C-alpha cells in the first residue's frame, strides 16, 4: 500500500492555540535558533496531520487480534513464541488495508 492510500488523517489537531502549545512543548530547552525553528515546524505539521485512518483501523483490529491471542495463550491453546507481537501488529495492518479496500469499494473476495 502506498503512502497515498492511508485513508487520510484521523484526529488532527484543529485549534491553533493547541497546535502552538504542542509545538512549543517540543522545542522547550533547545537553544539553537535554527534547530528550534526546524523542530517547531515539524511538530506543527505532526499536530495538524494526526494519525492516518489506516493507523486508526489497525488499532481497532489489533485490539481484537491481541485479545484473541492472549485468550488462546491463557487457555493453553497457543504458546506465545518470540515475535508474536510483530505477528499481531502485522496482521492488524493487513486488516486495516482490507478495511480501506472495502471502504473504497475495492473488496477482494475469494
C-alpha atoms as a PDB file:
ATOM      1  CA  UNK A   1       0.000   0.000   0.000  1.00  0.00           C
ATOM      2  CA  UNK A   2       1.421   3.400  -0.921  1.00  0.00           C
ATOM      3  CA  UNK A   3       1.548   6.417   1.360  1.00  0.00           C
ATOM      4  CA  UNK A   4      -1.355   7.976  -0.566  1.00  0.00           C
ATOM      5  CA  UNK A   5      -3.600   5.025   0.310  1.00  0.00           C
ATOM      6  CA  UNK A   6      -3.779   5.615   4.053  1.00  0.00           C
ATOM      7  CA  UNK A   7      -7.366   6.818   4.097  1.00  0.00           C
ATOM      8  CA  UNK A   8      -6.427  10.342   5.151  1.00  0.00           C
ATOM      9  CA  UNK A   9      -5.961  11.701   8.642  1.00  0.00           C
ATOM     10  CA  UNK A  10      -7.678  10.759  11.863  1.00  0.00           C
ATOM     11  CA  UNK A  11      -7.724  13.034  14.903  1.00  0.00           C
ATOM     12  CA  UNK A  12      -5.728  16.016  13.609  1.00  0.00           C
ATOM     13  CA  UNK A  13      -5.448  18.996  15.964  1.00  0.00           C
ATOM     14  CA  UNK A  14      -7.524  21.919  14.727  1.00  0.00           C
ATOM     15  CA  UNK A  15      -7.269  24.559  17.458  1.00  0.00           C
ATOM     16  CA  UNK A  16      -4.407  26.983  16.597  1.00  0.00           C
ATOM     17  CA  UNK A  17      -3.564  27.517  20.272  1.00  0.00           C
ATOM     18  CA  UNK A  18      -3.363  23.782  20.914  1.00  0.00           C
ATOM     19  CA  UNK A  19      -1.163  23.320  17.849  1.00  0.00           C
ATOM     20  CA  UNK A  20       1.174  26.090  19.047  1.00  0.00           C
ATOM     21  CA  UNK A  21       1.285  24.679  22.586  1.00  0.00           C
ATOM     22  CA  UNK A  22       2.123  21.214  21.237  1.00  0.00           C
ATOM     23  CA  UNK A  23       4.921  22.573  19.044  1.00  0.00           C
ATOM     24  CA  UNK A  24       6.261  24.888  21.764  1.00  0.00           C
ATOM     25  CA  UNK A  25       6.490  21.970  24.194  1.00  0.00           C
ATOM     26  CA  UNK A  26       8.530  20.011  21.647  1.00  0.00           C
ATOM     27  CA  UNK A  27      11.221  22.721  21.443  1.00  0.00           C
ATOM     28  CA  UNK A  28      11.458  23.512  25.151  1.00  0.00           C
ATOM     29  CA  UNK A  29      15.097  23.646  26.248  1.00  0.00           C
ATOM     30  CA  UNK A  30      16.545  23.778  22.725  1.00  0.00           C
ATOM     31  CA  UNK A  31      18.727  26.865  22.405  1.00  0.00           C
ATOM     32  CA  UNK A  32      19.923  26.764  18.782  1.00  0.00           C
ATOM     33  CA  UNK A  33      17.543  29.064  16.830  1.00  0.00           C
ATOM     34  CA  UNK A  34      17.785  27.101  13.579  1.00  0.00           C
ATOM     35  CA  UNK A  35      17.113  23.802  15.345  1.00  0.00           C
ATOM     36  CA  UNK A  36      14.215  25.350  17.298  1.00  0.00           C
ATOM     37  CA  UNK A  37      12.647  26.606  14.051  1.00  0.00           C
ATOM     38  CA  UNK A  38      13.110  23.250  12.332  1.00  0.00           C
ATOM     39  CA  UNK A  39      11.636  21.232  15.216  1.00  0.00           C
ATOM     40  CA  UNK A  40       8.803  23.707  15.772  1.00  0.00           C
ATOM     41  CA  UNK A  41       7.794  23.423  12.102  1.00  0.00           C
ATOM     42  CA  UNK A  42       7.964  19.618  12.213  1.00  0.00           C
ATOM     43  CA  UNK A  43       5.908  19.496  15.428  1.00  0.00           C
ATOM     44  CA  UNK A  44       3.221  21.788  13.956  1.00  0.00           C
ATOM     45  CA  UNK A  45       3.000  19.579  10.870  1.00  0.00           C
ATOM     46  CA  UNK A  46       2.743  16.493  13.069  1.00  0.00           C
ATOM     47  CA  UNK A  47      -0.027  18.083  15.132  1.00  0.00           C
ATOM     48  CA  UNK A  48      -2.229  19.022  12.188  1.00  0.00           C
ATOM     49  CA  UNK A  49      -1.654  15.734  10.398  1.00  0.00           C
ATOM     50  CA  UNK A  50      -2.746  13.399  13.170  1.00  0.00           C
ATOM     51  CA  UNK A  51      -2.616   9.669  12.645  1.00  0.00           C
ATOM     52  CA  UNK A  52      -3.799   8.128   9.410  1.00  0.00           C
ATOM     53  CA  UNK A  53      -7.129   6.385   9.086  1.00  0.00           C
ATOM     54  CA  UNK A  54      -5.112   3.240   8.279  1.00  0.00           C
ATOM     55  CA  UNK A  55      -3.397   3.577  11.667  1.00  0.00           C
ATOM     56  CA  UNK A  56      -6.767   4.024  13.372  1.00  0.00           C
ATOM     57  CA  UNK A  57      -8.204   0.942  11.650  1.00  0.00           C
ATOM     58  CA  UNK A  58      -5.082  -1.028  12.650  1.00  0.00           C
ATOM     59  CA  UNK A  59      -5.535  -0.012  16.289  1.00  0.00           C
ATOM     60  CA  UNK A  60      -9.088  -1.333  16.270  1.00  0.00           C
ATOM     61  CA  UNK A  61      -8.096  -4.559  14.506  1.00  0.00           C
ATOM     62  CA  UNK A  62      -5.136  -5.085  16.823  1.00  0.00           C
ATOM     63  CA  UNK A  63      -7.303  -4.900  19.941  1.00  0.00           C
ATOM     64  CA  UNK A  64      -9.372  -7.853  18.753  1.00  0.00           C
ATOM     65  CA  UNK A  65      -6.426  -9.842  17.420  1.00  0.00           C
ATOM     66  CA  UNK A  66      -4.420  -9.242  20.607  1.00  0.00           C
ATOM     67  CA  UNK A  67      -7.337 -10.274  22.804  1.00  0.00           C
ATOM     68  CA  UNK A  68      -7.779 -13.484  20.791  1.00  0.00           C
ATOM     69  CA  UNK A  69      -4.059 -14.230  21.030  1.00  0.00           C
ATOM     70  CA  UNK A  70      -3.924 -13.656  24.788  1.00  0.00           C
ATOM     71  CA  UNK A  71      -7.113 -15.648  25.372  1.00  0.00           C
ATOM     72  CA  UNK A  72      -5.719 -18.585  23.396  1.00  0.00           C
ATOM     73  CA  UNK A  73      -2.458 -18.395  25.361  1.00  0.00           C
ATOM     74  CA  UNK A  74      -4.294 -18.260  28.700  1.00  0.00           C
ATOM     75  CA  UNK A  75      -6.353 -21.314  27.797  1.00  0.00           C
ATOM     76  CA  UNK A  76      -3.174 -23.146  26.686  1.00  0.00           C
ATOM     77  CA  UNK A  77      -4.428 -23.379  23.076  1.00  0.00           C
ATOM     78  CA  UNK A  78      -1.426 -21.358  21.917  1.00  0.00           C
ATOM     79  CA  UNK A  79       2.174 -20.900  23.020  1.00  0.00           C
ATOM     80  CA  UNK A  80       3.350 -17.321  22.632  1.00  0.00           C
ATOM     81  CA  UNK A  81       6.655 -17.524  20.795  1.00  0.00           C
ATOM     82  CA  UNK A  82       9.224 -14.769  20.308  1.00  0.00           C
ATOM     83  CA  UNK A  83       7.982 -12.346  17.675  1.00  0.00           C
ATOM     84  CA  UNK A  84       4.298 -12.868  18.438  1.00  0.00           C
ATOM     85  CA  UNK A  85       3.787  -9.128  18.956  1.00  0.00           C
ATOM     86  CA  UNK A  86       5.146  -8.395  15.487  1.00  0.00           C
ATOM     87  CA  UNK A  87       2.781 -11.029  14.103  1.00  0.00           C
ATOM     88  CA  UNK A  88      -0.191  -9.345  15.790  1.00  0.00           C
ATOM     89  CA  UNK A  89       0.865  -5.872  14.598  1.00  0.00           C
ATOM     90  CA  UNK A  90       1.453  -7.063  11.016  1.00  0.00           C
ATOM     91  CA  UNK A  91      -1.953  -8.713  10.950  1.00  0.00           C
ATOM     92  CA  UNK A  92      -3.582  -5.554  12.306  1.00  0.00           C
ATOM     93  CA  UNK A  93      -2.245  -3.587   9.328  1.00  0.00           C
ATOM     94  CA  UNK A  94      -3.342  -6.322   6.912  1.00  0.00           C
ATOM     95  CA  UNK A  95      -6.846  -5.957   8.341  1.00  0.00           C
ATOM     96  CA  UNK A  96      -6.603  -2.157   8.133  1.00  0.00           C
ATOM     97  CA  UNK A  97      -5.646  -2.436   4.453  1.00  0.00           C
ATOM     98  CA  UNK A  98      -8.633  -4.714   3.868  1.00  0.00           C
ATOM     99  CA  UNK A  99     -10.892  -2.224   5.638  1.00  0.00           C
ATOM    100  CA  UNK A 100      -9.622   0.599   3.409  1.00  0.00           C
ATOM    101  CA  UNK A 101     -10.227  -1.530   0.294  1.00  0.00           C
ATOM    102  CA  UNK A 102     -13.768  -2.286   1.479  1.00  0.00           C
ATOM    103  CA  UNK A 103     -14.329   1.386   2.217  1.00  0.00           C
ATOM    104  CA  UNK A 104     -13.253   2.364  -1.291  1.00  0.00           C
ATOM    105  CA  UNK A 105     -15.297  -0.390  -2.958  1.00  0.00           C
ATOM    106  CA  UNK A 106     -12.232  -2.437  -3.944  1.00  0.00           C
ATOM    107  CA  UNK A 107     -13.182  -5.518  -1.912  1.00  0.00           C
ATOM    108  CA  UNK A 108     -11.344  -8.678  -2.942  1.00  0.00           C
ATOM    109  CA  UNK A 109     -13.454 -11.808  -2.484  1.00  0.00           C
ATOM    110  CA  UNK A 110     -12.149 -15.313  -2.730  1.00  0.00           C
END
